[in-house]
Amino acid sequence: MPLFVLKQFVDISFSETVNYFRKWIQVESSGTLHVCGEIFHWMSNDIKRRISFSADSVLTAVVQDADTTELVRILNNYGDEIRVNQVNHVGLTALHHGVLSNNLDAVKLLLCNGANINAQDIHGFSPLHTAAACGFTQIASLLVLYGADVFSLTMQKEMPIDVAKDIGVIRLLSEEMRRHFHQELFLTAFVCRKASDVWTLVKQHALRLVDDFMQMMIQLWKRHRTKHENKQE
């Protein structure tokens, strides 16, 4: 292990690091270094130092390991510290990792704890794209149930159904897309019908107002004529 690597994990001076290495490392005539096991014992017990990781990193690691019990514990104990939608260098969230691990329970837990169901990585892949591409029907069904966007586009302008390989996933997405189309058509027809009803009411009220106005004008004209005739007499 190079000295600079050890220095990154243990917060001691470089000279102290060298001294401890001299104490526990034997150099053979061939030049090969043999690190004694005591160096690790020293790191854990003598110095009493501990490596710590961010809650987000631990969350991702637990999801990747499919350790549901530990995931529940972390979410319950460190919920305020965890950024469940934190992304890595390629834009993957913990939810993406849960999908990639085909871990249905982890996906449920993350969704219930505020995970963005339509988060996209640097290529535009959402969790639903990932589930479709991997052929994970159960997870794809769960994501659809929670409202995943079936029309979401990647950077290559591909919808989840375009990257799906499994026939079950394709059928699921087709049905959901058809349902959305029918719903939009129904809403459009409903709005048009309501608009037509409103327009009919407006016309009826307008005609009634015009009729009332004409009646009022006729009454005024009659009164004016009566007064004029009385003056002439």
Foldseek 3Di string as FASTA:
>chain_A
DDLVVVCVFDPDDSVVSVVVCVVQWDADPVRDIDGDPVVVVCVCPVVVDDGDDFLQVVLLVCLLVLVLVVNVVSCVPVVVRYPQCDADPFQDGSLLSNLVSLNQSSNVVSVVSPHDQLGATNQQDGSLLSNQLVVSLVNNLVSVVVPYDQCRQTPVGDGSLRNHDDPSSVVVSVVSVVVVVVVVVVVVVVVVVVVVVVVVVVVVVVVVVVVVVVVVVVVVVVVVVVVVVVVVD
